[in-house]
C-alpha atoms as a PDB file:
ATOM      1  CA  MET A   1     148.152 135.934 160.019  1.00  0.00           C
ATOM      2  CA  ALA A   2     145.885 136.076 157.005  1.00  0.00           C
ATOM      3  CA  GLN A   3     143.530 133.502 158.547  1.00  0.00           C
ATOM      4  CA  GLU A   4     143.322 135.449 161.784  1.00  0.00           C
ATOM      5  CA  ARG A   5     142.573 138.635 159.837  1.00  0.00           C
ATOM      6  CA  ALA A   6     139.832 136.837 157.881  1.00  0.00           C
ATOM      7  CA  ARG A   7     138.298 135.550 161.141  1.00  0.00           C
ATOM      8  CA  GLN A   8     138.367 139.052 162.553  1.00  0.00           C
ATOM      9  CA  VAL A   9     136.638 140.418 159.435  1.00  0.00           C
ATOM     10  CA  LEU A  10     133.925 137.744 159.723  1.00  0.00           C
ATOM     11  CA  ARG A  11     133.464 138.513 163.434  1.00  0.00           C
ATOM     12  CA  ASP A  12     133.177 142.233 162.700  1.00  0.00           C
ATOM     13  CA  PHE A  13     130.682 141.574 159.907  1.00  0.00           C
ATOM     14  CA  GLY A  14     128.630 139.299 162.163  1.00  0.00           C
ATOM     15  CA  HIS A  15     128.522 141.968 164.864  1.00  0.00           C
ATOM     16  CA  TRP A  16     127.577 144.613 162.295  1.00  0.00           C
ATOM     17  CA  ARG A  17     124.862 142.354 160.842  1.00  0.00           C
ATOM     18  CA  ARG A  18     123.313 141.587 164.230  1.00  0.00           C
ATOM     19  CA  SER A  19     123.205 145.258 165.201  1.00  0.00           C
ATOM     20  CA  ARG A  20     120.674 146.141 162.452  1.00  0.00           C
ATOM     21  CA  PRO A  21     117.727 144.518 160.548  1.00  0.00           C
ATOM     22  CA  PHE A  22     120.036 142.999 157.939  1.00  0.00           C
ATOM     23  CA  THR A  23     117.647 140.300 156.660  1.00  0.00           C
ATOM     24  CA  ALA A  24     114.838 142.842 156.267  1.00  0.00           C
ATOM     25  CA  GLY A  25     117.119 145.004 154.135  1.00  0.00           C
ATOM     26  CA  MET A  26     117.990 142.010 151.937  1.00  0.00           C
ATOM     27  CA  PHE A  27     114.286 141.360 151.284  1.00  0.00           C
ATOM     28  CA  LEU A  28     113.721 145.004 150.319  1.00  0.00           C
ATOM     29  CA  VAL A  29     116.682 145.015 147.921  1.00  0.00           C
ATOM     30  CA  LEU A  30     115.372 141.772 146.380  1.00  0.00           C
ATOM     31  CA  SER A  31     111.939 143.385 146.076  1.00  0.00           C
ATOM     32  CA  SER A  32     113.386 146.386 144.230  1.00  0.00           C
ATOM     33  CA  VAL A  33     115.168 144.122 141.734  1.00  0.00           C
ATOM     34  CA  ALA A  34     112.047 142.006 141.156  1.00  0.00           C
ATOM     35  CA  ILE A  35     109.901 145.094 140.506  1.00  0.00           C
ATOM     36  CA  MET A  36     112.366 146.946 138.247  1.00  0.00           C
ATOM     37  CA  THR A  37     113.428 143.981 136.089  1.00  0.00           C
ATOM     38  CA  PRO A  38     110.277 142.974 134.073  1.00  0.00           C
ATOM     39  CA  PRO A  39     109.642 146.274 132.210  1.00  0.00           C
ATOM     40  CA  TYR A  40     113.226 146.325 130.892  1.00  0.00           C
ATOM     41  CA  ALA A  41     113.945 142.595 130.489  1.00  0.00           C
ATOM     42  CA  THR A  42     115.031 141.231 127.098  1.00  0.00           C
ATOM     43  CA  PHE A  43     115.505 137.560 126.276  1.00  0.00           C
ATOM     44  CA  ARG A  44     116.925 135.830 123.220  1.00  0.00           C
ATOM     45  CA  TRP A  45     115.413 132.545 122.043  1.00  0.00           C
ATOM     46  CA  GLY A  46     117.440 131.287 119.110  1.00  0.00           C
ATOM     47  CA  ASP A  47     117.221 134.004 116.474  1.00  0.00           C
ATOM     48  CA  VAL A  48     114.177 135.600 118.109  1.00  0.00           C
ATOM     49  CA  LEU A  49     114.716 138.545 120.447  1.00  0.00           C
ATOM     50  CA  VAL A  50     111.881 138.890 122.959  1.00  0.00           C
ATOM     51  CA  SER A  51     111.558 142.237 124.726  1.00  0.00           C
ATOM     52  CA  ILE A  52     109.019 142.653 127.534  1.00  0.00           C
ATOM     53  CA  THR A  53     107.753 146.199 127.009  1.00  0.00           C
ATOM     54  CA  THR A  54     105.081 147.145 129.529  1.00  0.00           C
ATOM     55  CA  ILE A  55     103.287 150.254 130.672  1.00  0.00           C
ATOM     56  CA  GLY A  56     104.785 150.159 134.153  1.00  0.00           C
ATOM     57  CA  GLY A  57     108.350 151.097 133.210  1.00  0.00           C
ATOM     58  CA  VAL A  58     108.555 154.536 134.864  1.00  0.00           C
ATOM     59  CA  SER A  59     106.518 153.469 137.896  1.00  0.00           C
ATOM     60  CA  ALA A  60     108.630 150.329 138.334  1.00  0.00           C
ATOM     61  CA  LEU A  61     111.853 152.350 138.178  1.00  0.00           C
ATOM     62  CA  LEU A  62     110.606 154.866 140.758  1.00  0.00           C
ATOM     63  CA  ILE A  63     109.152 152.324 143.197  1.00  0.00           C
ATOM     64  CA  GLY A  64     112.118 149.954 142.808  1.00  0.00           C
ATOM     65  CA  THR A  65     114.595 152.745 143.503  1.00  0.00           C
ATOM     66  CA  LEU A  66     112.703 153.870 146.619  1.00  0.00           C
ATOM     67  CA  LEU A  67     112.535 150.283 147.901  1.00  0.00           C
ATOM     68  CA  ALA A  68     116.283 149.912 147.399  1.00  0.00           C
ATOM     69  CA  ILE A  69     116.842 153.150 149.349  1.00  0.00           C
ATOM     70  CA  CYS A  70     114.641 151.826 152.177  1.00  0.00           C
ATOM     71  CA  GLY A  71     116.610 148.572 152.232  1.00  0.00           C
ATOM     72  CA  LEU A  72     119.968 150.344 152.329  1.00  0.00           C
ATOM     73  CA  SER A  73     118.737 152.676 155.062  1.00  0.00           C
ATOM     74  CA  LEU A  74     117.981 149.622 157.218  1.00  0.00           C
ATOM     75  CA  TRP A  75     121.635 148.622 156.869  1.00  0.00           C
ATOM     76  CA  PHE A  76     123.357 151.982 157.275  1.00  0.00           C
ATOM     77  CA  ARG A  77     120.774 154.024 159.243  1.00  0.00           C
ATOM     78  CA  PRO A  78     118.936 151.452 161.399  1.00  0.00           C
ATOM     79  CA  GLN A  79     117.706 154.207 163.720  1.00  0.00           C
ATOM     80  CA  PHE A  80     115.222 155.153 160.978  1.00  0.00           C
ATOM     81  CA  ARG A  81     113.987 151.594 160.516  1.00  0.00           C
ATOM     82  CA  PHE A  82     110.379 152.364 161.506  1.00  0.00           C
ATOM     83  CA  ALA A  83     109.920 155.073 158.857  1.00  0.00           C
ATOM     84  CA  ALA A  84     111.764 152.997 156.242  1.00  0.00           C
ATOM     85  CA  ALA A  85     109.642 149.919 157.003  1.00  0.00           C
ATOM     86  CA  LEU A  86     106.328 151.795 156.750  1.00  0.00           C
ATOM     87  CA  THR A  87     107.416 153.429 153.480  1.00  0.00           C
ATOM     88  CA  ALA A  88     108.483 150.056 152.050  1.00  0.00           C
ATOM     89  CA  MET A  89     105.163 148.473 153.073  1.00  0.00           C
ATOM     90  CA  LEU A  90     103.156 151.169 151.267  1.00  0.00           C
ATOM     91  CA  LEU A  91     105.370 151.052 148.166  1.00  0.00           C
ATOM     92  CA  SER A  92     105.071 147.256 147.956  1.00  0.00           C
ATOM     93  CA  LEU A  93     101.263 147.452 148.048  1.00  0.00           C
ATOM     94  CA  VAL A  94     101.083 150.304 145.528  1.00  0.00           C
ATOM     95  CA  ALA A  95     103.286 148.275 143.174  1.00  0.00           C
ATOM     96  CA  LEU A  96     100.455 145.736 142.799  1.00  0.00           C
ATOM     97  CA  GLY A  97      98.362 148.193 140.829  1.00  0.00           C
ATOM     98  CA  VAL A  98     100.950 150.131 138.826  1.00  0.00           C
ATOM     99  CA  THR A  99     103.950 147.874 138.116  1.00  0.00           C
ATOM    100  CA  ASN A 100     102.874 144.560 136.578  1.00  0.00           C
ATOM    101  CA  LEU A 101     101.325 143.148 139.756  1.00  0.00           C
ATOM    102  CA  GLY A 102     104.315 144.182 141.808  1.00  0.00           C
ATOM    103  CA  GLY A 103     106.880 142.319 139.740  1.00  0.00           C
ATOM    104  CA  PHE A 104     104.492 139.376 139.208  1.00  0.00           C
ATOM    105  CA  LEU A 105     103.815 139.267 142.984  1.00  0.00           C
ATOM    106  CA  VAL A 106     107.439 138.357 143.809  1.00  0.00           C
ATOM    107  CA  GLY A 107     108.468 141.965 144.425  1.00  0.00           C
ATOM    108  CA  THR A 108     105.398 142.790 146.504  1.00  0.00           C
ATOM    109  CA  LEU A 109     105.735 139.668 148.677  1.00  0.00           C
ATOM    110  CA  ALA A 110     109.436 140.275 149.270  1.00  0.00           C
ATOM    111  CA  GLY A 111     108.754 143.928 150.130  1.00  0.00           C
ATOM    112  CA  VAL A 112     105.952 143.076 152.569  1.00  0.00           C
ATOM    113  CA  ILE A 113     108.073 140.415 154.296  1.00  0.00           C
ATOM    114  CA  GLY A 114     111.060 142.763 154.536  1.00  0.00           C
ATOM    115  CA  ALA A 115     108.936 145.592 155.948  1.00  0.00           C
ATOM    116  CA  ALA A 116     107.328 143.258 158.515  1.00  0.00           C
ATOM    117  CA  LEU A 117     110.747 141.954 159.612  1.00  0.00           C
ATOM    118  CA  ALA A 118     112.029 145.520 160.004  1.00  0.00           C
ATOM    119  CA  LEU A 119     109.025 146.510 162.132  1.00  0.00           C
ATOM    120  CA  ALA A 120     109.472 143.458 164.370  1.00  0.00           C
ATOM    121  CA  TRP A 121     113.266 143.729 164.692  1.00  0.00           C
ATOM    122  CA  THR A 122     114.987 144.807 167.907  1.00  0.00           C
ATOM    123  CA  ASP A 123     118.557 144.700 169.165  1.00  0.00           C
ATOM    124  CA  GLN A 124     117.476 144.527 172.805  1.00  0.00           C
ATOM    125  CA  PRO A 125     116.895 141.157 174.533  1.00  0.00           C
ATOM    126  CA  ARG A 126     113.347 140.670 175.694  1.00  0.00           C
ATOM    127  CA  ALA A 127     111.621 138.500 178.238  1.00  0.00           C
ATOM    128  CA  PRO A 128     109.357 135.687 176.970  1.00  0.00           C
ATOM    129  CA  ARG A 129     106.321 137.941 177.377  1.00  0.00           C
ATOM    130  CA  GLY A 130     107.969 140.507 175.146  1.00  0.00           C
ATOM    131  CA  LYS A 131     108.581 137.833 172.530  1.00  0.00           C
ATOM    132  CA  ARG A 132     104.891 136.980 172.534  1.00  0.00           C
ATOM    133  CA  ARG A 133     104.108 140.649 171.961  1.00  0.00           C
ATOM    134  CA  SER A 134     106.547 140.710 169.036  1.00  0.00           C
ATOM    135  CA  VAL A 135     104.794 137.714 167.476  1.00  0.00           C
ATOM    136  CA  LEU A 136     101.436 139.421 168.017  1.00  0.00           C
ATOM    137  CA  ARG A 137     102.698 142.560 166.285  1.00  0.00           C
ATOM    138  CA  CYS A 138     103.853 140.505 163.297  1.00  0.00           C
ATOM    139  CA  LEU A 139     100.420 138.880 163.075  1.00  0.00           C
ATOM    140  CA  VAL A 140      98.754 142.297 163.203  1.00  0.00           C
ATOM    141  CA  VAL A 141     101.023 143.584 160.407  1.00  0.00           C
ATOM    142  CA  ILE A 142     100.254 140.541 158.246  1.00  0.00           C
ATOM    143  CA  GLY A 143      96.532 141.013 158.880  1.00  0.00           C
ATOM    144  CA  LEU A 144      96.718 144.673 157.869  1.00  0.00           C
ATOM    145  CA  VAL A 145      98.566 143.700 154.687  1.00  0.00           C
ATOM    146  CA  ALA A 146      95.876 141.156 153.799  1.00  0.00           C
ATOM    147  CA  VAL A 147      93.133 143.727 154.360  1.00  0.00           C
ATOM    148  CA  ALA A 148      94.971 146.343 152.286  1.00  0.00           C
ATOM    149  CA  ILE A 149      95.335 143.918 149.380  1.00  0.00           C
ATOM    150  CA  GLU A 150      91.615 143.166 149.457  1.00  0.00           C
ATOM    151  CA  VAL A 151      90.565 146.820 149.509  1.00  0.00           C
ATOM    152  CA  LEU A 152      92.834 148.021 146.705  1.00  0.00           C
ATOM    153  CA  PRO A 153      90.843 150.350 144.456  1.00  0.00           C
ATOM    154  CA  VAL A 154      88.780 148.500 141.879  1.00  0.00           C
ATOM    155  CA  ALA A 155      89.959 150.970 139.255  1.00  0.00           C
ATOM    156  CA  ALA A 156      93.537 149.784 139.741  1.00  0.00           C
ATOM    157  CA  ARG A 157      92.672 146.102 139.359  1.00  0.00           C
ATOM    158  CA  ASP A 158      89.683 145.832 137.031  1.00  0.00           C
ATOM    159  CA  GLU A 159      88.479 149.085 135.542  1.00  0.00           C
ATOM    160  CA  VAL A 160      91.874 150.048 134.122  1.00  0.00           C
ATOM    161  CA  THR A 161      93.261 146.609 133.316  1.00  0.00           C
ATOM    162  CA  PRO A 162      96.437 147.070 131.210  1.00  0.00           C
ATOM    163  CA  ALA A 163      95.936 146.154 127.520  1.00  0.00           C
ATOM    164  CA  ARG A 164      97.446 146.652 124.058  1.00  0.00           C
ATOM    165  CA  SER A 165      95.456 147.513 120.975  1.00  0.00           C
ATOM    166  CA  TRP A 166      95.409 145.090 118.040  1.00  0.00           C
ATOM    167  CA  THR A 167      93.639 145.011 114.678  1.00  0.00           C
ATOM    168  CA  LEU A 168      91.500 142.276 113.113  1.00  0.00           C
ATOM    169  CA  SER A 169      90.581 142.383 109.432  1.00  0.00           C
ATOM    170  CA  ALA A 170      88.340 139.810 107.735  1.00  0.00           C
ATOM    171  CA  SER A 171      86.259 139.438 104.589  1.00  0.00           C
ATOM    172  CA  THR A 172      83.365 138.151 106.718  1.00  0.00           C
ATOM    173  CA  LEU A 173      82.782 138.287 110.462  1.00  0.00           C
ATOM    174  CA  ARG A 174      79.820 136.543 112.090  1.00  0.00           C
ATOM    175  CA  LEU A 175      78.889 137.272 115.693  1.00  0.00           C
ATOM    176  CA  TYR A 176      76.325 135.229 117.625  1.00  0.00           C
ATOM    177  CA  GLY A 177      74.704 136.061 120.935  1.00  0.00           C
ATOM    178  CA  VAL A 178      75.876 139.677 120.851  1.00  0.00           C
ATOM    179  CA  VAL A 179      75.079 142.029 123.745  1.00  0.00           C
ATOM    180  CA  TYR A 180      76.300 145.635 123.850  1.00  0.00           C
ATOM    181  CA  HIS A 181      77.064 146.842 127.406  1.00  0.00           C
ATOM    182  CA  GLY A 182      77.997 150.454 126.690  1.00  0.00           C
ATOM    183  CA  ILE A 183      81.215 152.413 127.181  1.00  0.00           C
ATOM    184  CA  GLU A 184      83.892 151.240 129.613  1.00  0.00           C
ATOM    185  CA  ARG A 185      87.267 152.788 130.439  1.00  0.00           C
ATOM    186  CA  ILE A 186      90.345 150.537 130.465  1.00  0.00           C
ATOM    187  CA  LEU A 187      94.083 151.155 130.215  1.00  0.00           C
ATOM    188  CA  VAL A 188      95.146 150.809 126.555  1.00  0.00           C
ATOM    189  CA  ASP A 189      98.733 151.322 125.354  1.00  0.00           C
ATOM    190  CA  GLY A 190      99.618 153.103 128.569  1.00  0.00           C
ATOM    191  CA  SER A 191      96.708 155.556 128.892  1.00  0.00           C
ATOM    192  CA  PRO A 192      93.075 155.338 130.116  1.00  0.00           C
ATOM    193  CA  THR A 193      90.874 154.928 127.034  1.00  0.00           C
ATOM    194  CA  MET A 194      87.131 154.679 126.451  1.00  0.00           C
ATOM    195  CA  THR A 195      86.109 151.438 124.718  1.00  0.00           C
ATOM    196  CA  MET A 196      82.904 149.758 123.548  1.00  0.00           C
ATOM    197  CA  LYS A 197      82.184 146.628 125.574  1.00  0.00           C
ATOM    198  CA  PHE A 198      80.436 143.655 123.962  1.00  0.00           C
ATOM    199  CA  THR A 199      79.774 140.104 125.093  1.00  0.00           C
ATOM    200  CA  VAL A 200      79.597 137.465 122.364  1.00  0.00           C
ATOM    201  CA  LYS A 201      78.724 133.756 122.510  1.00  0.00           C
ATOM    202  CA  ARG A 202      80.527 132.765 119.305  1.00  0.00           C
ATOM    203  CA  ILE A 203      82.697 134.405 116.631  1.00  0.00           C
ATOM    204  CA  GLU A 204      83.408 133.122 113.120  1.00  0.00           C
ATOM    205  CA  ALA A 205      85.801 134.872 110.733  1.00  0.00           C
ATOM    206  CA  THR A 206      86.711 134.302 107.080  1.00  0.00           C
ATOM    207  CA  ASP A 207      90.178 135.257 105.767  1.00  0.00           C
ATOM    208  CA  PRO A 208      91.185 136.840 109.074  1.00  0.00           C
ATOM    209  CA  VAL A 209      94.389 138.788 109.598  1.00  0.00           C
ATOM    210  CA  GLN A 210      95.319 139.857 113.141  1.00  0.00           C
ATOM    211  CA  VAL A 211      98.063 142.433 113.732  1.00  0.00           C
ATOM    212  CA  GLY A 212      99.409 143.293 117.181  1.00  0.00           C
ATOM    213  CA  GLU A 213     102.258 145.406 118.534  1.00  0.00           C
ATOM    214  CA  LEU A 214     105.155 143.607 120.239  1.00  0.00           C
ATOM    215  CA  GLY A 215     106.997 146.795 121.157  1.00  0.00           C
ATOM    216  CA  ASN A 216     110.261 148.297 119.893  1.00  0.00           C
ATOM    217  CA  GLY A 217     108.721 148.750 116.434  1.00  0.00           C
ATOM    218  CA  HIS A 218     107.946 145.038 115.930  1.00  0.00           C
ATOM    219  CA  LYS A 219     104.547 143.568 115.023  1.00  0.00           C
ATOM    220  CA  VAL A 220     103.116 140.075 115.088  1.00  0.00           C
ATOM    221  CA  VAL A 221     100.790 139.065 112.218  1.00  0.00           C
ATOM    222  CA  ILE A 222      98.530 135.996 112.403  1.00  0.00           C
ATOM    223  CA  ALA A 223      96.658 134.988 109.216  1.00  0.00           C
ATOM    224  CA  ALA A 224      94.536 131.963 108.312  1.00  0.00           C
ATOM    225  CA  ARG A 225      93.005 131.105 104.938  1.00  0.00           C
ATOM    226  CA  ARG A 226      90.428 128.793 106.459  1.00  0.00           C
ATOM    227  CA  GLY A 227      89.391 131.387 109.007  1.00  0.00           C
ATOM    228  CA  PHE A 228      88.810 130.757 112.689  1.00  0.00           C
ATOM    229  CA  SER A 229      86.012 130.204 115.164  1.00  0.00           C
ATOM    230  CA  THR A 230      85.693 130.398 118.928  1.00  0.00           C
ATOM    231  CA  ALA A 231      84.491 127.774 121.352  1.00  0.00           C
ATOM    232  CA  SER A 232      80.994 128.172 122.746  1.00  0.00           C
ATOM    233  CA  SER A 233      81.600 130.329 125.820  1.00  0.00           C
ATOM    234  CA  THR A 234      80.953 133.949 126.696  1.00  0.00           C
ATOM    235  CA  ILE A 235      83.598 136.335 125.370  1.00  0.00           C
ATOM    236  CA  GLU A 236      84.110 139.907 126.579  1.00  0.00           C
ATOM    237  CA  LEU A 237      85.295 142.138 123.756  1.00  0.00           C
ATOM    238  CA  PHE A 238      86.517 145.722 124.260  1.00  0.00           C
ATOM    239  CA  ALA A 239      86.650 147.546 120.900  1.00  0.00           C
ATOM    240  CA  LEU A 240      88.085 150.943 119.963  1.00  0.00           C
ATOM    241  CA  ARG A 241      86.611 151.000 116.456  1.00  0.00           C
ATOM    242  CA  VAL A 242      84.475 148.771 114.220  1.00  0.00           C
ATOM    243  CA  THR A 243      84.114 149.452 110.482  1.00  0.00           C
ATOM    244  CA  GLY A 244      82.538 147.354 107.743  1.00  0.00           C
ATOM    245  CA  VAL A 245      79.275 146.596 106.023  1.00  0.00           C
ATOM    246  CA  VAL A 246      76.325 145.136 107.937  1.00  0.00           C
ATOM    247  CA  ASN A 247      74.284 142.689 105.871  1.00  0.00           C
ATOM    248  CA  LEU A 248      70.561 142.713 106.622  1.00  0.00           C
ATOM    249  CA  LEU A 249      68.983 139.389 105.630  1.00  0.00           C
ATOM    250  CA  GLY A 250      71.649 139.064 102.953  1.00  0.00           C
ATOM    251  CA  LEU A 251      69.883 141.684 100.834  1.00  0.00           C
ATOM    252  CA  VAL A 252      70.919 145.154 102.033  1.00  0.00           C
ATOM    253  CA  GLY A 253      74.408 146.289 102.949  1.00  0.00           C
ATOM    254  CA  ILE A 254      74.789 149.262 105.317  1.00  0.00           C
ATOM    255  CA  PRO A 255      78.272 150.759 105.889  1.00  0.00           C
ATOM    256  CA  VAL A 256      79.010 151.325 109.580  1.00  0.00           C
ATOM    257  CA  ASP A 257      81.803 153.006 111.519  1.00  0.00           C
ATOM    258  CA  PHE A 258      81.375 152.706 115.283  1.00  0.00           C
ATOM    259  CA  THR A 259      83.631 154.280 117.934  1.00  0.00           C
ATOM    260  CA  PRO A 260      83.152 155.114 121.633  1.00  0.00           C
ATOM    261  CA  GLY A 261      82.194 158.618 120.484  1.00  0.00           C
ATOM    262  CA  HIS A 262      79.639 157.201 118.019  1.00  0.00           C
ATOM    263  CA  PRO A 263      78.532 153.844 119.460  1.00  0.00           C
ATOM    264  CA  PRO A 264      75.996 151.548 117.787  1.00  0.00           C
ATOM    265  CA  PRO A 265      72.403 152.669 118.516  1.00  0.00           C
ATOM    266  CA  LEU A 266      71.050 149.117 118.265  1.00  0.00           C
ATOM    267  CA  VAL A 267      72.833 145.761 118.211  1.00  0.00           C
ATOM    268  CA  PRO A 268      70.899 142.633 117.126  1.00  0.00           C
ATOM    269  CA  PRO A 269      71.729 139.290 118.780  1.00  0.00           C
ATOM    270  CA  SER A 270      73.313 138.009 115.538  1.00  0.00           C
ATOM    271  CA  VAL A 271      75.422 140.207 113.252  1.00  0.00           C
ATOM    272  CA  VAL A 272      77.120 139.539 109.901  1.00  0.00           C
ATOM    273  CA  LEU A 273      79.787 142.045 108.781  1.00  0.00           C
ATOM    274  CA  THR A 274      81.701 142.021 105.495  1.00  0.00           C
ATOM    275  CA  GLU A 275      84.947 143.816 104.666  1.00  0.00           C
ATOM    276  CA  VAL A 276      85.300 144.391 108.382  1.00  0.00           C
ATOM    277  CA  THR A 277      88.139 145.945 110.352  1.00  0.00           C
ATOM    278  CA  THR A 278      88.053 146.129 114.138  1.00  0.00           C
ATOM    279  CA  ILE A 279      90.573 147.788 116.423  1.00  0.00           C
ATOM    280  CA  ASN A 280      90.345 145.902 119.693  1.00  0.00           C
ATOM    281  CA  ALA A 281      91.769 146.686 123.110  1.00  0.00           C
ATOM    282  CA  GLN A 282      91.145 143.478 125.010  1.00  0.00           C
ATOM    283  CA  VAL A 283      89.423 140.083 124.807  1.00  0.00           C
ATOM    284  CA  ARG A 284      88.508 138.063 127.891  1.00  0.00           C
ATOM    285  CA  GLY A 285      87.364 134.461 127.904  1.00  0.00           C
ATOM    286  CA  GLY A 286      86.737 132.071 125.052  1.00  0.00           C
ATOM    287  CA  THR A 287      89.081 129.859 123.059  1.00  0.00           C
ATOM    288  CA  ILE A 288      90.092 130.710 119.480  1.00  0.00           C
ATOM    289  CA  VAL A 289      90.755 127.820 117.118  1.00  0.00           C
ATOM    290  CA  ILE A 290      92.862 128.880 114.081  1.00  0.00           C
ATOM    291  CA  PRO A 291      93.660 125.931 111.772  1.00  0.00           C
ATOM    292  CA  ASN A 292      96.739 126.285 109.535  1.00  0.00           C
ATOM    293  CA  ALA A 293      97.596 129.675 110.991  1.00  0.00           C
ATOM    294  CA  ARG A 294     100.622 131.601 109.726  1.00  0.00           C
ATOM    295  CA  LEU A 295     102.508 133.675 112.297  1.00  0.00           C
ATOM    296  CA  THR A 296     104.938 136.356 111.159  1.00  0.00           C
ATOM    297  CA  ILE A 297     106.997 138.802 113.220  1.00  0.00           C
ATOM    298  CA  ARG A 298     107.939 141.998 111.419  1.00  0.00           C
END
């Protein structure tokens, strides 16, 4: 009796599953989980607690919740599958720019696949010609997705690249091959911020101390008595503030305090700063070599 009841339940579930885009809904629910998880994930590694705190927390929660609603609507209200699929497709693409690359691409890919399956799904048998049309529609949807990814606004991918501010202090800082490119807006600590953009060929620091925010009130401090240097490659440096003393020919020291509101009027190709403190937003390129570094988490 129990076995017969279990078979009947499985038959009923199979009929229910085939009468709606069940697989598409599963992909959308998976997409919502993948997008919502990273901003709130916390991992423990031995005695170290690692918390991933990112700027996309609120956006990830909103987009993930809406994707979950779209997935559930495919299961319980399949008659609205077209509207739910289009909404899920748009949300998955928007997530690329506002929620940590759409859950590190996993959430966006799952959402796009689920939306495409929902658009192509039908509960009516079709002739072979109709099947070819269904395949053609899927190819068109995939093509539109590829085009949409390529034409995402540049501001969402490059101009406002997410970053966290960090501070570098050193008794001496030498910069070689310096070029100042002006003011550029990037996303710093969760808000669009004006920064000073420099490109540098090589950096050498004496007695450096780097301090960065880990989130949840914790900081990471990296110090090195022997200093550090960078490999010979172009480095993009986005600075919020630079203070110190500029040494001219080793004879004259001029105090400076540069910010995006008061940028440097002239930047020579080689600069030597003493008692320097820089508040940086982002560094791209280059390799930093720090011998005998000491790393502390506070």
